[in-house]
Amino acid sequence: MRVGDAVVPTTVTIWAAGVQASPLGALLGVPTTRGGQVPVQPDLSIAGHSNVFVAGDLAWFTATPDGKPLPGLAPVALQQGRAAARNIVCDLRGQPRRPFHYRDKGTMALIGRAAAIADLGRLHMTGFLAWLMWLFIHILYLVGFRNRLLVLLEWAWSYVTYQRSARLITGDITLPTGGAGAQGAGTGTPDGHFRM
């Protein structure tokens, strides 16, 4: 495998790209996108079924100023979930539904150990400060003090000890036998998980 100018010898190379929506979308009886997403109305209901709402990664929402679909990000899903709940309450009260409007608060991504990027409107950051901001915001969005403390302690321990989080490989697993890289290989389980 080639990474930049370097050649890295590997037994197994995995490339993962793209996002496939939950197969639940196909069960709704409406057309879906190539990625399995369900086109939704401005109020997040689906055409022909005004009592069914779809939000988050499964929703193909294009009622935006530029007509482009919203990305499959947690902030989009959180805002859509709240908007769908508000519209259900409006239905129960006999009030008109409100269309969903996404408020872009910016984008952040963790790149590696003590490195991240943050694009928050006019503020653009990279490196260690962006990484600290990423950690703080993710802790802030967790529910409950106990959860926040446990996650913070787990992240701190992983950072200090250089330990990685658990990695799962799901699906049909065929591991290489013999040859380079087979020594110390993990084992696939019948449920499709990979254990080291």
Protein backbone atom coordinates (compact mmCIF):
# COMPACT_ATOMS: atom_id res chain seq x y z
CA MET A 1 0.00 0.00 0.00
CA ARG A 2 1.33 3.47 -0.86
CA VAL A 3 0.87 6.30 1.65
CA GLY A 4 2.25 9.49 0.18
CA ASP A 5 5.81 8.66 -0.90
CA ALA A 6 6.13 5.72 1.51
CA VAL A 7 5.31 2.09 0.77
CA VAL A 8 3.79 0.25 3.72
CA PRO A 9 3.88 -3.57 3.49
CA THR A 10 0.47 -4.99 4.43
CA THR A 11 -1.35 -8.30 4.39
CA VAL A 12 -4.81 -6.77 4.33
CA THR A 13 -5.70 -3.28 3.08
CA ILE A 14 -9.17 -1.90 3.76
CA TRP A 15 -10.53 1.25 2.17
CA ALA A 16 -13.82 2.53 3.57
CA ALA A 17 -15.53 5.46 1.90
CA GLY A 18 -19.06 6.71 1.68
CA VAL A 19 -22.02 6.27 3.96
CA GLN A 20 -24.90 3.86 3.50
CA ALA A 21 -28.13 4.69 5.31
CA SER A 22 -29.96 2.19 7.49
CA PRO A 23 -31.91 -0.44 5.53
CA LEU A 24 -34.99 0.77 7.42
CA GLY A 25 -35.51 3.44 4.75
CA ALA A 26 -36.33 0.79 2.13
CA LEU A 27 -39.08 -0.59 4.38
CA LEU A 28 -41.04 2.68 4.33
CA GLY A 29 -42.39 2.07 0.83
CA VAL A 30 -41.06 5.31 -0.63
CA PRO A 31 -38.26 5.88 -3.16
CA THR A 32 -34.81 6.23 -1.61
CA THR A 33 -31.56 7.75 -2.85
CA ARG A 34 -28.67 5.66 -4.12
CA GLY A 35 -27.26 5.78 -0.58
CA GLY A 36 -30.55 4.54 0.90
CA GLN A 37 -31.70 7.89 2.32
CA VAL A 38 -35.37 8.87 2.37
CA PRO A 39 -36.35 12.21 0.74
CA VAL A 40 -38.26 14.30 3.30
CA GLN A 41 -40.61 17.27 3.09
CA PRO A 42 -39.67 20.65 4.64
CA ASP A 43 -41.42 19.54 7.89
CA LEU A 44 -39.34 16.28 7.90
CA SER A 45 -42.31 14.06 7.03
CA ILE A 46 -42.22 11.77 4.01
CA ALA A 47 -44.35 12.31 0.90
CA GLY A 48 -47.66 10.48 1.08
CA HIS A 49 -47.23 9.68 4.78
CA SER A 50 -47.56 12.91 6.73
CA ASN A 51 -47.59 11.00 10.03
CA VAL A 52 -44.09 9.52 9.45
CA PHE A 53 -41.04 11.67 10.21
CA VAL A 54 -37.47 10.88 9.22
CA ALA A 55 -34.46 12.63 10.77
CA GLY A 56 -30.70 12.25 10.93
CA ASP A 57 -28.56 10.14 8.60
CA LEU A 58 -31.63 8.50 7.05
CA ALA A 59 -33.18 11.83 5.97
CA TRP A 60 -32.42 13.33 2.52
CA PHE A 61 -33.28 16.97 3.26
CA THR A 62 -32.83 19.34 0.32
CA ALA A 63 -35.10 22.22 1.39
CA THR A 64 -31.98 24.35 1.89
CA PRO A 65 -31.17 27.74 0.32
CA ASP A 66 -28.69 26.12 -2.10
CA GLY A 67 -30.76 22.96 -2.69
CA LYS A 68 -27.90 20.71 -1.53
CA PRO A 69 -28.68 17.92 0.95
CA LEU A 70 -27.59 18.33 4.54
CA PRO A 71 -24.58 16.24 5.62
CA GLY A 72 -24.92 13.19 7.87
CA LEU A 73 -23.53 14.88 10.96
CA ALA A 74 -24.63 14.73 14.60
CA PRO A 75 -25.61 18.44 14.77
CA VAL A 76 -27.97 17.96 11.81
CA ALA A 77 -29.53 14.88 13.42
CA LEU A 78 -29.96 16.62 16.79
CA GLN A 79 -31.65 19.65 15.25
CA GLN A 80 -33.87 17.50 13.03
CA GLY A 81 -34.91 15.34 15.97
CA ARG A 82 -35.97 18.42 17.93
CA ALA A 83 -37.82 19.84 14.92
CA ALA A 84 -39.69 16.57 14.30
CA ALA A 85 -40.69 16.42 17.98
CA ARG A 86 -41.96 20.03 17.80
CA ASN A 87 -44.04 19.19 14.73
CA ILE A 88 -45.55 16.17 16.46
CA VAL A 89 -46.55 18.43 19.36
CA CYS A 90 -48.01 20.92 16.85
CA ASP A 91 -50.10 18.09 15.38
CA LEU A 92 -51.37 17.11 18.83
CA ARG A 93 -52.34 20.71 19.58
CA GLY A 94 -53.99 21.24 16.18
CA GLN A 95 -51.40 23.86 15.19
CA PRO A 96 -49.67 24.13 11.80
CA ARG A 97 -46.29 22.45 11.42
CA ARG A 98 -43.12 24.48 11.08
CA PRO A 99 -40.54 23.82 8.36
CA PHE A 100 -37.10 22.69 9.48
CA HIS A 101 -34.25 25.19 9.16
CA TYR A 102 -30.72 23.97 9.87
CA ARG A 103 -28.45 26.30 11.81
CA ASP A 104 -24.85 25.51 10.88
CA LYS A 105 -22.70 25.91 14.00
CA GLY A 106 -19.54 24.80 12.20
CA THR A 107 -17.62 21.60 11.61
CA MET A 108 -14.92 19.90 13.63
CA ALA A 109 -12.90 16.78 12.93
CA LEU A 110 -10.39 14.83 14.97
CA ILE A 111 -7.32 14.09 12.86
CA GLY A 112 -5.05 12.32 15.31
CA ARG A 113 -3.30 12.49 18.63
CA ALA A 114 -3.56 16.11 19.80
CA ALA A 115 -4.57 17.26 16.31
CA ALA A 116 -7.93 18.39 14.97
CA ILE A 117 -9.49 20.96 12.68
CA ALA A 118 -12.28 23.37 13.50
CA ASP A 119 -14.21 25.47 11.02
CA LEU A 120 -16.62 27.61 13.02
CA GLY A 121 -17.75 30.32 10.63
CA ARG A 122 -15.07 33.00 10.72
CA LEU A 123 -12.93 31.01 13.17
CA HIS A 124 -10.61 28.42 11.60
CA MET A 125 -8.28 26.44 13.85
CA THR A 126 -5.96 23.46 13.49
CA GLY A 127 -3.65 21.51 15.75
CA PHE A 128 -3.64 21.22 19.51
CA LEU A 129 -6.04 24.09 20.28
CA ALA A 130 -8.60 22.70 17.83
CA TRP A 131 -8.13 19.28 19.49
CA LEU A 132 -8.84 20.76 22.93
CA MET A 133 -11.91 22.51 21.55
CA TRP A 134 -13.10 19.23 19.98
CA LEU A 135 -12.70 17.43 23.34
CA PHE A 136 -14.49 20.17 25.27
CA ILE A 137 -17.45 20.37 22.88
CA HIS A 138 -17.88 16.59 22.75
CA ILE A 139 -17.83 16.38 26.54
CA LEU A 140 -20.29 19.28 26.72
CA TYR A 141 -22.84 17.45 24.55
CA LEU A 142 -22.82 14.29 26.67
CA VAL A 143 -25.80 13.84 28.98
CA GLY A 144 -25.13 13.83 32.71
CA PHE A 145 -22.14 14.70 34.83
CA ARG A 146 -21.23 11.05 35.43
CA ASN A 147 -21.04 10.31 31.69
CA ARG A 148 -18.94 13.40 31.10
CA LEU A 149 -16.54 12.49 33.89
CA LEU A 150 -16.20 8.85 32.80
CA VAL A 151 -15.54 9.76 29.16
CA LEU A 152 -13.05 12.45 30.16
CA LEU A 153 -11.18 10.00 32.41
CA GLU A 154 -11.19 7.32 29.70
CA TRP A 155 -9.85 9.77 27.11
CA ALA A 156 -7.19 11.03 29.53
CA TRP A 157 -6.09 7.45 30.31
CA SER A 158 -5.92 6.57 26.60
CA TYR A 159 -3.93 9.74 25.91
CA VAL A 160 -1.40 9.16 28.71
CA THR A 161 -0.95 5.42 28.03
CA TYR A 162 -1.08 5.65 24.22
CA GLN A 163 -3.84 3.03 24.19
CA ARG A 164 -6.32 2.96 21.35
CA SER A 165 -10.05 2.47 21.67
CA ALA A 166 -11.56 -0.87 20.71
CA ARG A 167 -11.75 -1.48 16.98
CA LEU A 168 -14.57 -3.59 15.53
CA ILE A 169 -14.71 -5.15 12.11
CA THR A 170 -18.17 -6.41 11.28
CA GLY A 171 -19.39 -8.65 8.50
CA ASP A 172 -17.86 -11.71 6.84
CA ILE A 173 -14.24 -11.97 7.90
CA THR A 174 -11.66 -14.07 6.13
CA LEU A 175 -8.30 -13.71 7.80
CA PRO A 176 -5.01 -14.40 6.03
CA THR A 177 -3.25 -17.63 7.00
CA GLY A 178 0.50 -18.00 7.11
CA GLY A 179 2.91 -15.53 5.56
CA ALA A 180 3.85 -12.07 6.75
CA GLY A 181 1.46 -10.39 9.14
CA ALA A 182 -0.38 -13.57 10.18
CA GLN A 183 1.54 -13.88 13.41
CA GLY A 184 -0.57 -12.62 16.30
CA ALA A 185 -3.61 -12.07 14.11
CA GLY A 186 -6.97 -11.78 15.79
CA THR A 187 -9.86 -14.14 15.38
CA GLY A 188 -13.20 -13.56 13.75
CA THR A 189 -16.25 -14.54 15.80
CA PRO A 190 -19.47 -16.03 14.45
CA ASP A 191 -21.29 -12.73 15.02
CA GLY A 192 -18.86 -10.97 12.67
CA HIS A 193 -16.80 -9.11 15.28
CA PHE A 194 -13.03 -9.14 15.37
CA ARG A 195 -11.12 -9.78 18.56
CA MET A 196 -7.40 -9.31 19.11
